[in-house]
Amino acid sequence: MTPTFLHNRKEHLRATGSLPNPPGKLLQQVLFSVLWRNQLAVATAILRG
């Protein structure tokens, strides 16, 4: 995890959070969030070996 990646993630959350969300967009955000958390878990597992 690079600081740049984490910074971009924060910017992304700020950008998406400030916009009104149609239901489809909200669902997309939830799916993205789940996938991102999954990816984070995988990355953590790889780093731990």
C-alpha atoms as a PDB file:
ATOM      1  CA  MET A   1       0.000   0.000   0.000  1.00  0.00           C
ATOM      2  CA  THR A   2       1.598   3.245  -1.074  1.00  0.00           C
ATOM      3  CA  PRO A   3       0.720   6.593   0.532  1.00  0.00           C
ATOM      4  CA  THR A   4      -0.314   7.801  -2.918  1.00  0.00           C
ATOM      5  CA  PHE A   5      -2.829   4.979  -3.225  1.00  0.00           C
ATOM      6  CA  LEU A   6      -4.300   5.726   0.189  1.00  0.00           C
ATOM      7  CA  HIS A   7      -4.452   9.433  -0.625  1.00  0.00           C
ATOM      8  CA  ASN A   8      -6.251   8.693  -3.904  1.00  0.00           C
ATOM      9  CA  ARG A   9      -8.677   6.475  -2.022  1.00  0.00           C
ATOM     10  CA  LYS A  10      -9.464   9.317   0.388  1.00  0.00           C
ATOM     11  CA  GLU A  11      -9.991  11.716  -2.524  1.00  0.00           C
ATOM     12  CA  HIS A  12     -12.265   9.171  -4.208  1.00  0.00           C
ATOM     13  CA  LEU A  13     -14.382   8.807  -1.070  1.00  0.00           C
ATOM     14  CA  ARG A  14     -14.622  12.581  -0.709  1.00  0.00           C
ATOM     15  CA  ALA A  15     -15.664  12.938  -4.357  1.00  0.00           C
ATOM     16  CA  THR A  16     -18.289  10.181  -4.285  1.00  0.00           C
ATOM     17  CA  GLY A  17     -19.575  11.226  -0.863  1.00  0.00           C
ATOM     18  CA  SER A  18     -20.323  14.766  -1.999  1.00  0.00           C
ATOM     19  CA  LEU A  19     -22.529  13.700  -4.913  1.00  0.00           C
ATOM     20  CA  PRO A  20     -26.198  12.692  -4.679  1.00  0.00           C
ATOM     21  CA  ASN A  21     -26.465   8.955  -5.288  1.00  0.00           C
ATOM     22  CA  PRO A  22     -29.050   7.312  -7.527  1.00  0.00           C
ATOM     23  CA  PRO A  23     -29.828   3.731  -6.333  1.00  0.00           C
ATOM     24  CA  GLY A  24     -27.738   2.162  -9.102  1.00  0.00           C
ATOM     25  CA  LYS A  25     -24.745   4.290  -8.197  1.00  0.00           C
ATOM     26  CA  LEU A  26     -25.152   3.404  -4.528  1.00  0.00           C
ATOM     27  CA  LEU A  27     -25.191  -0.316  -5.338  1.00  0.00           C
ATOM     28  CA  GLN A  28     -22.081   0.164  -7.458  1.00  0.00           C
ATOM     29  CA  GLN A  29     -20.366   1.907  -4.536  1.00  0.00           C
ATOM     30  CA  VAL A  30     -21.266  -0.923  -2.155  1.00  0.00           C
ATOM     31  CA  LEU A  31     -19.915  -3.526  -4.578  1.00  0.00           C
ATOM     32  CA  PHE A  32     -16.765  -1.475  -5.095  1.00  0.00           C
ATOM     33  CA  SER A  33     -16.332  -1.150  -1.343  1.00  0.00           C
ATOM     34  CA  VAL A  34     -16.670  -4.918  -0.840  1.00  0.00           C
ATOM     35  CA  LEU A  35     -14.253  -5.672  -3.672  1.00  0.00           C
ATOM     36  CA  TRP A  36     -11.765  -3.121  -2.353  1.00  0.00           C
ATOM     37  CA  ARG A  37     -11.901  -4.608   1.143  1.00  0.00           C
ATOM     38  CA  ASN A  38     -11.403  -8.051  -0.383  1.00  0.00           C
ATOM     39  CA  GLN A  39      -8.387  -6.791  -2.310  1.00  0.00           C
ATOM     40  CA  LEU A  40      -7.005  -5.249   0.871  1.00  0.00           C
ATOM     41  CA  ALA A  41      -7.357  -8.568   2.703  1.00  0.00           C
ATOM     42  CA  VAL A  42      -5.549 -10.374  -0.114  1.00  0.00           C
ATOM     43  CA  ALA A  43      -2.760  -7.790  -0.124  1.00  0.00           C
ATOM     44  CA  THR A  44      -2.391  -8.124   3.646  1.00  0.00           C
ATOM     45  CA  ALA A  45      -2.212 -11.907   3.365  1.00  0.00           C
ATOM     46  CA  ILE A  46       0.478 -11.640   0.666  1.00  0.00           C
ATOM     47  CA  LEU A  47       2.521  -9.197   2.737  1.00  0.00           C
ATOM     48  CA  ARG A  48       2.337 -11.495   5.757  1.00  0.00           C
ATOM     49  CA  GLY A  49       3.379 -14.403   3.579  1.00  0.00           C
END
